[in-house]
Amino acid sequence: MISFDPLWRTLASRNMNKGDLQKITGLSSATIAKLSKNESVTLDVVDRICKGLEVPICDVVEMRPDSASNGS
């Protein structure tokens, strides 16, 4: 599962909010909502966030094991 928790931590550490992210990146409110729900977005979106915030991808997204996976 993909998680955007690192993005929210990055924003918080910079005293920024989702509106600030939207202004910096030009992303739509629908895309910001998808990020908030850990839904799929394109790599272009992730790239725009990384470039806009000037951070590596690890400050935006992380992979977590699916809770439904059984390890096989």
C-alpha atoms as a PDB file:
ATOM      1  CA  MET A   1       0.000   0.000   0.000  1.00  0.00           C
ATOM      2  CA  ILE A   2       1.175   3.481  -0.812  1.00  0.00           C
ATOM      3  CA  SER A   3       1.033   6.076   1.952  1.00  0.00           C
ATOM      4  CA  PHE A   4       1.440   9.812   1.648  1.00  0.00           C
ATOM      5  CA  ASP A   5       2.058  10.229   5.391  1.00  0.00           C
ATOM      6  CA  PRO A   6       5.612  11.461   4.699  1.00  0.00           C
ATOM      7  CA  LEU A   7       4.114  14.276   2.605  1.00  0.00           C
ATOM      8  CA  TRP A   8       1.886  15.437   5.462  1.00  0.00           C
ATOM      9  CA  ARG A   9       4.836  15.283   7.884  1.00  0.00           C
ATOM     10  CA  THR A  10       6.936  17.297   5.428  1.00  0.00           C
ATOM     11  CA  LEU A  11       4.220  19.926   5.114  1.00  0.00           C
ATOM     12  CA  ALA A  12       3.746  20.086   8.889  1.00  0.00           C
ATOM     13  CA  SER A  13       7.476  20.531   9.464  1.00  0.00           C
ATOM     14  CA  ARG A  14       7.349  23.534   7.139  1.00  0.00           C
ATOM     15  CA  ASN A  15       4.170  24.950   8.695  1.00  0.00           C
ATOM     16  CA  MET A  16       2.370  24.408   5.390  1.00  0.00           C
ATOM     17  CA  ASN A  17      -1.075  23.045   4.639  1.00  0.00           C
ATOM     18  CA  LYS A  18      -2.843  21.387   1.697  1.00  0.00           C
ATOM     19  CA  GLY A  19      -3.770  24.767   0.252  1.00  0.00           C
ATOM     20  CA  ASP A  20      -0.113  25.771   0.208  1.00  0.00           C
ATOM     21  CA  LEU A  21       0.740  22.501  -1.530  1.00  0.00           C
ATOM     22  CA  GLN A  22      -1.930  23.156  -4.130  1.00  0.00           C
ATOM     23  CA  LYS A  23      -0.590  26.661  -4.820  1.00  0.00           C
ATOM     24  CA  ILE A  24       3.019  25.507  -5.113  1.00  0.00           C
ATOM     25  CA  THR A  25       2.305  22.526  -7.356  1.00  0.00           C
ATOM     26  CA  GLY A  26      -0.758  23.655  -9.296  1.00  0.00           C
ATOM     27  CA  LEU A  27      -2.497  20.381  -8.453  1.00  0.00           C
ATOM     28  CA  SER A  28      -6.277  20.244  -8.499  1.00  0.00           C
ATOM     29  CA  SER A  29      -8.332  19.978  -5.337  1.00  0.00           C
ATOM     30  CA  ALA A  30      -9.436  16.525  -6.550  1.00  0.00           C
ATOM     31  CA  THR A  31      -5.813  15.364  -6.657  1.00  0.00           C
ATOM     32  CA  ILE A  32      -5.137  16.782  -3.194  1.00  0.00           C
ATOM     33  CA  ALA A  33      -8.192  14.851  -1.982  1.00  0.00           C
ATOM     34  CA  LYS A  34      -6.817  11.649  -3.528  1.00  0.00           C
ATOM     35  CA  LEU A  35      -3.523  12.193  -1.733  1.00  0.00           C
ATOM     36  CA  SER A  36      -5.403  12.711   1.531  1.00  0.00           C
ATOM     37  CA  LYS A  37      -7.093   9.333   1.107  1.00  0.00           C
ATOM     38  CA  ASN A  38      -3.886   7.527   0.031  1.00  0.00           C
ATOM     39  CA  GLU A  39      -5.463   6.852  -3.358  1.00  0.00           C
ATOM     40  CA  SER A  40      -3.453   6.264  -6.521  1.00  0.00           C
ATOM     41  CA  VAL A  41      -1.970   9.230  -8.327  1.00  0.00           C
ATOM     42  CA  THR A  42       0.402   9.326 -11.273  1.00  0.00           C
ATOM     43  CA  LEU A  43       4.149   9.553 -10.909  1.00  0.00           C
ATOM     44  CA  ASP A  44       3.855  12.951 -12.609  1.00  0.00           C
ATOM     45  CA  VAL A  45       1.913  14.163  -9.562  1.00  0.00           C
ATOM     46  CA  VAL A  46       4.578  12.805  -7.203  1.00  0.00           C
ATOM     47  CA  ASP A  47       7.272  14.426  -9.369  1.00  0.00           C
ATOM     48  CA  ARG A  48       5.490  17.805  -9.261  1.00  0.00           C
ATOM     49  CA  ILE A  49       5.286  17.591  -5.471  1.00  0.00           C
ATOM     50  CA  CYS A  50       8.962  16.660  -5.134  1.00  0.00           C
ATOM     51  CA  LYS A  51      10.024  19.503  -7.412  1.00  0.00           C
ATOM     52  CA  GLY A  52       7.657  22.021  -5.830  1.00  0.00           C
ATOM     53  CA  LEU A  53       8.805  21.244  -2.300  1.00  0.00           C
ATOM     54  CA  GLU A  54      12.404  20.520  -3.383  1.00  0.00           C
ATOM     55  CA  VAL A  55      12.477  17.204  -1.543  1.00  0.00           C
ATOM     56  CA  PRO A  56      13.360  13.610  -2.419  1.00  0.00           C
ATOM     57  CA  ILE A  57      10.562  11.145  -3.078  1.00  0.00           C
ATOM     58  CA  CYS A  58      11.022   9.556   0.374  1.00  0.00           C
ATOM     59  CA  ASP A  59       9.720  12.821   1.883  1.00  0.00           C
ATOM     60  CA  VAL A  60       6.490  12.405  -0.078  1.00  0.00           C
ATOM     61  CA  VAL A  61       5.552   8.735  -0.316  1.00  0.00           C
ATOM     62  CA  GLU A  62       6.291   5.416   1.354  1.00  0.00           C
ATOM     63  CA  MET A  63       5.350   1.819   0.688  1.00  0.00           C
ATOM     64  CA  ARG A  64       3.655  -0.161   3.438  1.00  0.00           C
ATOM     65  CA  PRO A  65       2.746  -3.824   3.405  1.00  0.00           C
ATOM     66  CA  ASP A  66      -0.865  -4.456   2.432  1.00  0.00           C
ATOM     67  CA  SER A  67      -2.870  -5.460   5.472  1.00  0.00           C
ATOM     68  CA  ALA A  68      -4.580  -8.118   3.331  1.00  0.00           C
ATOM     69  CA  SER A  69      -1.326  -9.759   2.247  1.00  0.00           C
ATOM     70  CA  ASN A  70      -0.356 -12.978   3.903  1.00  0.00           C
ATOM     71  CA  GLY A  71       3.359 -12.857   3.130  1.00  0.00           C
ATOM     72  CA  SER A  72       3.248 -15.359   0.288  1.00  0.00           C
END
